[in-house]
C-alpha cells in the first residue's frame, strides 16, 4: 500500500527535538521572535491610523539634497 502524500509530508517535517543542540535552539528561538516582531511591525505600519505619519516621511531616503545644503557655508574652513 503506497504512502499518502500527507503522511510523507508530515514525516518530512518531523523534528527530533532531543537531538537539537544549543545552537539549534538559539536559532529556532531567534527565528520565531523575529517572525513575531515582523508581524507586529507590519501591523503597526499598515494600520490606517498611522498612514499620515508614514506618508509624510515617504521620500526621506531620497532627500539627500537638504543635507548637502545645510553644511558649512564658508567651505568648511
N, C-alpha and C. Protein backbone atom coordinates (compact mmCIF):
# COMPACT_ATOMS: atom_id res chain seq x y z
N UNK A 1 0.85 -1.17 0.00
CA UNK A 1 0.00 0.00 0.00
C UNK A 1 0.91 1.25 0.00
N UNK A 2 0.73 2.17 -0.96
CA UNK A 2 1.60 3.36 -1.04
C UNK A 2 1.28 4.35 0.08
N UNK A 3 2.33 5.06 0.49
CA UNK A 3 2.14 6.10 1.50
C UNK A 3 1.37 7.26 0.89
N UNK A 4 0.53 7.87 1.70
CA UNK A 4 -0.18 9.03 1.18
C UNK A 4 0.75 10.23 1.17
N UNK A 5 0.42 11.21 0.36
CA UNK A 5 1.23 12.41 0.24
C UNK A 5 1.26 13.17 1.56
N UNK A 6 0.15 13.22 2.25
CA UNK A 6 0.07 13.96 3.51
C UNK A 6 0.96 13.32 4.57
N UNK A 7 0.92 12.01 4.70
CA UNK A 7 1.74 11.36 5.73
C UNK A 7 3.23 11.49 5.40
N UNK A 8 3.61 11.44 4.13
CA UNK A 8 5.02 11.64 3.79
C UNK A 8 5.44 13.09 4.01
N UNK A 9 4.51 14.03 3.82
CA UNK A 9 4.81 15.44 4.08
C UNK A 9 5.07 15.65 5.57
N UNK A 10 4.22 15.08 6.44
CA UNK A 10 4.41 15.22 7.88
C UNK A 10 5.68 14.51 8.34
N UNK A 11 6.02 13.41 7.69
CA UNK A 11 7.27 12.72 8.02
C UNK A 11 8.47 13.59 7.65
N UNK A 12 8.37 14.32 6.56
CA UNK A 12 9.44 15.22 6.14
C UNK A 12 9.63 16.36 7.13
N UNK A 13 8.55 16.85 7.72
CA UNK A 13 8.61 17.97 8.66
C UNK A 13 8.89 17.53 10.10
N UNK A 14 8.96 16.23 10.35
CA UNK A 14 9.18 15.74 11.71
C UNK A 14 10.53 16.20 12.23
N UNK A 15 10.57 16.62 13.51
CA UNK A 15 11.78 17.13 14.13
C UNK A 15 12.16 16.25 15.32
N UNK A 16 13.43 15.92 15.41
CA UNK A 16 13.93 15.17 16.55
C UNK A 16 14.37 16.19 17.60
N UNK A 17 13.45 16.55 18.49
CA UNK A 17 13.68 17.60 19.47
C UNK A 17 14.83 17.26 20.41
N UNK A 18 14.99 16.00 20.75
CA UNK A 18 16.04 15.59 21.68
C UNK A 18 17.43 15.74 21.08
N UNK A 19 17.54 15.68 19.77
CA UNK A 19 18.84 15.75 19.11
C UNK A 19 19.29 17.19 18.83
N UNK A 20 18.44 18.17 19.14
CA UNK A 20 18.79 19.56 18.85
C UNK A 20 19.88 20.06 19.81
N UNK A 21 20.87 20.73 19.24
CA UNK A 21 21.95 21.29 20.04
C UNK A 21 21.55 22.67 20.55
N UNK A 22 22.42 23.27 21.35
CA UNK A 22 22.17 24.62 21.88
C UNK A 22 22.05 25.62 20.73
N UNK A 23 22.91 25.50 19.73
CA UNK A 23 22.84 26.41 18.59
C UNK A 23 21.54 26.24 17.82
N UNK A 24 21.05 25.01 17.71
CA UNK A 24 19.76 24.79 17.05
C UNK A 24 18.63 25.49 17.80
N UNK A 25 18.64 25.39 19.13
CA UNK A 25 17.60 26.02 19.95
C UNK A 25 17.67 27.54 19.85
N UNK A 26 18.90 28.07 19.90
CA UNK A 26 19.05 29.53 19.79
C UNK A 26 18.54 30.01 18.43
N UNK A 27 18.90 29.32 17.38
CA UNK A 27 18.44 29.69 16.04
C UNK A 27 16.93 29.61 15.90
N UNK A 28 16.33 28.58 16.47
CA UNK A 28 14.87 28.42 16.41
C UNK A 28 14.18 29.54 17.17
N UNK A 29 14.67 29.84 18.37
CA UNK A 29 14.05 30.89 19.19
C UNK A 29 14.21 32.26 18.54
N UNK A 30 15.39 32.56 18.01
CA UNK A 30 15.62 33.85 17.35
C UNK A 30 14.72 33.98 16.12
N UNK A 31 14.58 32.91 15.36
CA UNK A 31 13.72 32.95 14.18
C UNK A 31 12.27 33.22 14.54
N UNK A 32 11.77 32.55 15.58
CA UNK A 32 10.38 32.75 16.00
C UNK A 32 10.17 34.16 16.53
N UNK A 33 11.12 34.68 17.32
CA UNK A 33 11.00 36.03 17.87
C UNK A 33 10.99 37.06 16.74
N UNK A 34 11.90 36.93 15.78
CA UNK A 34 11.94 37.87 14.66
C UNK A 34 10.67 37.78 13.84
N UNK A 35 10.13 36.59 13.66
CA UNK A 35 8.87 36.42 12.93
C UNK A 35 7.75 37.22 13.59
N UNK A 36 7.61 37.10 14.91
CA UNK A 36 6.55 37.84 15.59
C UNK A 36 6.81 39.34 15.62
N UNK A 37 8.07 39.75 15.73
CA UNK A 37 8.39 41.18 15.66
C UNK A 37 8.04 41.76 14.29
N UNK A 38 8.29 41.01 13.23
CA UNK A 38 7.95 41.47 11.89
C UNK A 38 6.44 41.57 11.71
N UNK A 39 5.70 40.62 12.24
CA UNK A 39 4.23 40.71 12.18
C UNK A 39 3.76 41.96 12.91
N UNK A 40 4.31 42.22 14.10
CA UNK A 40 3.94 43.42 14.85
C UNK A 40 4.29 44.69 14.10
N UNK A 41 5.46 44.70 13.47
CA UNK A 41 5.87 45.87 12.69
C UNK A 41 4.94 46.10 11.50
N UNK A 42 4.59 45.03 10.79
CA UNK A 42 3.68 45.17 9.65
C UNK A 42 2.31 45.68 10.10
N UNK A 43 1.81 45.16 11.20
CA UNK A 43 0.51 45.61 11.71
C UNK A 43 0.58 47.09 12.07
N UNK A 44 1.66 47.50 12.71
CA UNK A 44 1.81 48.90 13.11
C UNK A 44 1.91 49.83 11.90
N UNK A 45 2.72 49.46 10.94
CA UNK A 45 2.96 50.34 9.78
C UNK A 45 1.74 50.42 8.87
N UNK A 46 1.04 49.32 8.69
CA UNK A 46 -0.07 49.31 7.74
C UNK A 46 -1.43 49.62 8.36
N UNK A 47 -1.46 50.05 9.61
CA UNK A 47 -2.72 50.49 10.21
C UNK A 47 -3.15 51.80 9.56
N UNK A 48 -4.40 51.94 9.24
CA UNK A 48 -4.86 53.19 8.64
C UNK A 48 -4.63 54.40 9.55
N UNK A 49 -4.62 54.20 10.85
CA UNK A 49 -4.42 55.28 11.81
C UNK A 49 -3.02 55.90 11.65
N UNK A 50 -2.04 55.11 11.28
CA UNK A 50 -0.66 55.59 11.15
C UNK A 50 -0.30 56.02 9.74
N UNK A 51 -1.24 56.02 8.85
CA UNK A 51 -0.95 56.31 7.44
C UNK A 51 -0.35 57.69 7.23
N UNK A 52 -0.95 58.71 7.82
CA UNK A 52 -0.47 60.09 7.61
C UNK A 52 0.95 60.26 8.12
N UNK A 53 1.26 59.66 9.26
CA UNK A 53 2.59 59.79 9.85
C UNK A 53 3.66 59.21 8.92
N UNK A 54 3.40 58.07 8.34
CA UNK A 54 4.40 57.43 7.48
C UNK A 54 4.38 57.97 6.06
N UNK A 55 3.24 58.44 5.60
CA UNK A 55 3.18 59.05 4.26
C UNK A 55 3.98 60.35 4.22
N UNK A 56 4.03 61.09 5.33
CA UNK A 56 4.80 62.33 5.34
C UNK A 56 6.30 62.07 5.27
N UNK A 57 6.74 60.89 5.66
CA UNK A 57 8.16 60.52 5.60
C UNK A 57 8.48 59.64 4.40
N UNK A 58 7.63 59.62 3.45
CA UNK A 58 7.70 58.70 2.32
C UNK A 58 8.99 58.82 1.52
N UNK A 59 9.45 60.04 1.27
CA UNK A 59 10.62 60.24 0.42
C UNK A 59 11.87 60.58 1.23
N UNK A 60 11.89 60.31 2.50
CA UNK A 60 13.04 60.63 3.34
C UNK A 60 14.34 60.00 2.84
N UNK A 61 14.36 58.75 2.42
CA UNK A 61 15.62 58.18 1.93
C UNK A 61 16.15 58.87 0.67
N UNK A 62 15.28 59.53 -0.07
CA UNK A 62 15.70 60.17 -1.31
C UNK A 62 16.04 61.64 -1.13
N UNK A 63 15.82 62.19 0.05
CA UNK A 63 16.05 63.62 0.29
C UNK A 63 17.46 63.86 0.81
N UNK A 64 18.46 63.69 -0.04
CA UNK A 64 19.82 63.95 0.38
C UNK A 64 20.26 65.37 0.01
N UNK A 65 19.47 66.10 -0.75
CA UNK A 65 19.81 67.46 -1.12
C UNK A 65 19.78 68.40 0.09
N UNK A 66 18.85 68.17 1.02
CA UNK A 66 18.74 69.02 2.20
C UNK A 66 19.99 68.92 3.07
N UNK A 67 20.59 67.77 3.17
CA UNK A 67 21.77 67.60 3.99
C UNK A 67 22.97 68.31 3.37
N UNK A 68 23.08 68.32 2.07
CA UNK A 68 24.20 68.98 1.42
C UNK A 68 24.12 70.49 1.59
N UNK A 69 22.94 71.05 1.55
CA UNK A 69 22.76 72.48 1.67
C UNK A 69 22.92 72.99 3.11
N UNK A 70 22.74 72.11 4.09
CA UNK A 70 22.79 72.53 5.47
C UNK A 70 24.22 72.51 6.04
N UNK A 71 25.23 72.24 5.22
CA UNK A 71 26.62 72.21 5.69
C UNK A 71 27.17 73.60 5.91
N UNK A 72 28.45 73.67 6.17
CA UNK A 72 29.11 74.96 6.39
C UNK A 72 29.04 75.83 5.14
N UNK A 73 28.71 77.08 5.33
CA UNK A 73 28.56 77.99 4.19
C UNK A 73 29.91 78.57 3.73
N UNK A 74 30.95 78.45 4.59
CA UNK A 74 32.22 79.06 4.23
C UNK A 74 33.24 78.02 3.72
N UNK A 75 32.76 76.87 3.26
CA UNK A 75 33.64 75.88 2.69
C UNK A 75 34.32 74.99 3.71
N UNK A 76 33.94 75.06 4.96
CA UNK A 76 34.49 74.19 5.99
C UNK A 76 35.77 74.68 6.61
N UNK A 77 36.18 75.92 6.34
CA UNK A 77 37.41 76.41 6.94
C UNK A 77 37.15 77.18 8.21
